[in-house]
Amino acid sequence: MQKPVPSGKEHSVNPDAFLVSKTDTHGKITYCNEPFVKIVGASEQELLGKPHSIVRHPDMPRVIFKLLWDKIKAKQEIFAYVKNLSFDGGHYWVYANVTASLDQSGSIVGYYSIRRKANPKALQIIEPLYQKLLSLEKSGGMDAASKYMDELLREKGVSYEEFSNNLQRL
């Protein structure tokens, strides 16, 4: 399966749904629940063993995934807005909680994500922010985007977690 080409069509996440997936330490999908399979528009067999990045939308700034990976590799959870890609080229927005899965000795054995429908009011702020971050990544690399994000959070006097949680509560 080749990565789909974005079509611009938006899929709506059911407000009552929890989209769940688990990966190994290399980001390959080891589990996905029915709501996730359904919105991606694939079969479970088409997803298992594939890199989770198969649903990564090109509109997602890399700096957001860097922040996400830095947090979960440090065994910290993170909440983030993510625009994902369905196999039909459509997309869907989620508010994702991503956490490391630990074994009894505290070693990371994988990662899991539970996603909910993103607050539409929050997306009015997130979409232009992500467009700005993408533009900065193209012109000045990850450092420029990271610097912009850090400055935005500093101006607001909040951490990334506070920023995203406050937006979800709008």
Protein backbone atom coordinates (compact mmCIF):
# COMPACT_ATOMS: atom_id res chain seq x y z
CA MET A 1 0.00 0.00 0.00
CA GLN A 2 1.41 3.33 -1.06
CA LYS A 3 0.77 6.39 1.03
CA PRO A 4 -2.46 8.09 -0.12
CA VAL A 5 -2.47 11.47 -1.85
CA PRO A 6 -4.47 14.13 0.05
CA SER A 7 -7.79 14.95 -1.62
CA GLY A 8 -8.94 17.79 0.63
CA LYS A 9 -12.04 15.85 1.71
CA GLU A 10 -12.57 16.01 5.46
CA HIS A 11 -13.93 13.05 7.43
CA SER A 12 -15.77 13.78 10.64
CA VAL A 13 -14.70 11.95 13.79
CA ASN A 14 -17.66 10.70 15.81
CA PRO A 15 -17.71 12.76 19.04
CA ASP A 16 -18.27 9.57 21.07
CA ALA A 17 -15.46 7.61 19.41
CA PHE A 18 -12.07 6.75 20.80
CA LEU A 19 -9.57 6.02 18.03
CA VAL A 20 -6.94 3.71 19.52
CA SER A 21 -3.70 2.39 18.11
CA LYS A 22 -0.57 0.86 19.55
CA THR A 23 2.88 0.63 18.03
CA ASP A 24 6.15 -1.07 18.75
CA THR A 25 9.21 1.01 19.66
CA HIS A 26 9.87 1.65 15.96
CA GLY A 27 6.40 3.10 15.32
CA LYS A 28 4.97 0.04 13.54
CA ILE A 29 1.29 -0.56 14.28
CA THR A 30 0.65 -3.58 16.51
CA TYR A 31 -2.99 -2.88 17.39
CA CYS A 32 -5.82 -0.68 16.13
CA ASN A 33 -9.44 -0.58 17.19
CA GLU A 34 -12.48 -0.58 14.91
CA PRO A 35 -13.16 3.20 15.00
CA PHE A 36 -9.55 3.85 13.94
CA VAL A 37 -9.70 1.23 11.18
CA LYS A 38 -13.00 2.67 9.96
CA ILE A 39 -11.92 6.32 9.70
CA VAL A 40 -8.62 5.37 8.07
CA GLY A 41 -10.62 3.38 5.52
CA ALA A 42 -8.42 0.32 5.68
CA SER A 43 -8.60 -3.19 6.99
CA GLU A 44 -6.81 -4.19 10.16
CA GLN A 45 -4.52 -6.37 8.02
CA GLU A 46 -3.57 -3.35 5.88
CA LEU A 47 -2.51 -1.44 9.02
CA LEU A 48 -0.83 -4.01 11.25
CA GLY A 49 2.95 -4.01 10.84
CA LYS A 50 2.91 -0.72 8.89
CA PRO A 51 4.60 2.43 10.19
CA HIS A 52 2.06 4.69 11.92
CA SER A 53 3.35 7.46 9.68
CA ILE A 54 1.26 5.89 6.89
CA VAL A 55 -1.59 8.09 8.19
CA ARG A 56 0.55 11.21 8.65
CA HIS A 57 -0.87 14.11 6.66
CA PRO A 58 1.70 16.31 4.85
CA ASP A 59 0.06 19.39 6.45
CA MET A 60 1.45 18.30 9.82
CA PRO A 61 4.52 20.27 10.94
CA ARG A 62 7.50 18.07 11.75
CA VAL A 63 8.16 20.15 14.87
CA ILE A 64 4.93 18.84 16.42
CA PHE A 65 6.09 15.24 15.90
CA LYS A 66 9.52 16.11 17.30
CA LEU A 67 7.83 17.45 20.43
CA LEU A 68 5.64 14.35 20.58
CA TRP A 69 8.57 11.92 20.23
CA ASP A 70 10.74 13.84 22.72
CA LYS A 71 7.96 13.58 25.30
CA ILE A 72 7.05 9.92 24.84
CA LYS A 73 10.67 8.75 24.65
CA ALA A 74 11.10 10.48 28.03
CA LYS A 75 8.12 8.42 29.29
CA GLN A 76 5.89 11.50 29.47
CA GLU A 77 2.43 11.68 27.96
CA ILE A 78 1.48 14.35 25.49
CA PHE A 79 -1.75 15.76 24.13
CA ALA A 80 -1.52 17.18 20.62
CA TYR A 81 -3.71 18.14 17.68
CA VAL A 82 -3.02 15.89 14.71
CA LYS A 83 -4.30 15.96 11.16
CA ASN A 84 -4.28 12.40 9.84
CA LEU A 85 -4.71 11.00 6.36
CA SER A 86 -7.26 8.34 5.43
CA PHE A 87 -6.50 5.75 2.73
CA ASP A 88 -9.00 7.44 0.39
CA GLY A 89 -6.99 10.69 0.55
CA GLY A 90 -9.38 12.37 2.98
CA HIS A 91 -8.26 13.71 6.32
CA TYR A 92 -9.52 13.96 9.88
CA TRP A 93 -8.49 16.04 12.88
CA VAL A 94 -8.01 14.50 16.31
CA TYR A 95 -6.90 15.52 19.76
CA ALA A 96 -4.40 12.78 20.56
CA ASN A 97 -3.09 11.51 23.86
CA VAL A 98 0.13 9.60 23.24
CA THR A 99 1.98 7.64 25.92
CA ALA A 100 4.79 5.14 26.20
CA SER A 101 3.90 1.56 27.16
CA LEU A 102 6.28 0.28 29.83
CA ASP A 103 7.17 -3.21 30.96
CA GLN A 104 7.56 -4.21 34.61
CA SER A 105 11.12 -2.89 34.74
CA GLY A 106 10.07 0.49 33.35
CA SER A 107 11.52 -0.02 29.87
CA ILE A 108 9.58 1.28 26.88
CA VAL A 109 8.05 -1.60 24.90
CA GLY A 110 5.86 0.46 22.60
CA TYR A 111 3.54 3.44 22.40
CA TYR A 112 -0.19 3.93 22.39
CA SER A 113 -2.46 6.71 21.33
CA ILE A 114 -6.05 7.42 22.20
CA ARG A 115 -7.61 10.08 20.01
CA ARG A 116 -10.85 12.03 20.25
CA LYS A 117 -12.59 14.47 17.96
CA ALA A 118 -10.70 17.77 17.96
CA ASN A 119 -12.65 20.78 19.17
CA PRO A 120 -13.63 22.72 16.00
CA LYS A 121 -13.06 26.03 17.84
CA ALA A 122 -9.51 24.92 18.67
CA LEU A 123 -8.87 24.09 15.02
CA GLN A 124 -9.54 27.74 14.13
CA ILE A 125 -6.31 28.46 16.03
CA ILE A 126 -4.39 25.25 15.29
CA GLU A 127 -4.77 25.23 11.50
CA PRO A 128 -3.20 28.68 10.92
CA LEU A 129 -0.53 27.90 13.54
CA TYR A 130 0.40 24.65 11.78
CA GLN A 131 0.47 26.46 8.41
CA LYS A 132 2.88 29.01 9.92
CA LEU A 133 5.05 26.24 11.40
CA LEU A 134 5.15 24.44 8.03
CA SER A 135 6.16 27.66 6.29
CA LEU A 136 8.93 28.23 8.83
CA GLU A 137 10.15 24.65 8.42
CA LYS A 138 10.37 25.16 4.66
CA SER A 139 12.23 28.47 4.91
CA GLY A 140 14.29 28.04 8.08
CA GLY A 141 14.11 24.38 9.07
CA MET A 142 12.98 22.77 12.28
CA ASP A 143 14.95 25.25 14.38
CA ALA A 144 12.93 28.19 13.04
CA ALA A 145 9.63 26.42 13.69
CA SER A 146 10.73 25.33 17.16
CA LYS A 147 11.85 28.85 18.03
CA TYR A 148 8.51 30.26 16.87
CA MET A 149 6.55 27.71 18.92
CA ASP A 150 8.69 28.32 22.02
CA GLU A 151 8.19 32.09 21.69
CA LEU A 152 4.41 31.69 21.24
CA LEU A 153 4.18 29.60 24.41
CA ARG A 154 6.42 32.02 26.31
CA GLU A 155 4.23 34.97 25.26
CA LYS A 156 1.12 33.11 26.44
CA GLY A 157 2.87 32.06 29.66
CA VAL A 158 1.89 28.40 29.24
CA SER A 159 3.47 25.05 28.53
CA TYR A 160 2.57 23.14 25.37
CA GLU A 161 0.31 20.88 27.45
CA GLU A 162 -1.55 23.85 28.94
CA PHE A 163 -1.86 25.42 25.48
CA SER A 164 -3.38 22.33 23.88
CA ASN A 165 -5.64 21.48 26.83
CA ASN A 166 -6.95 25.06 27.01
CA LEU A 167 -7.79 24.94 23.30
CA GLN A 168 -9.67 21.66 23.64
CA ARG A 169 -11.82 23.29 26.34
CA LEU A 170 -12.82 26.33 24.25
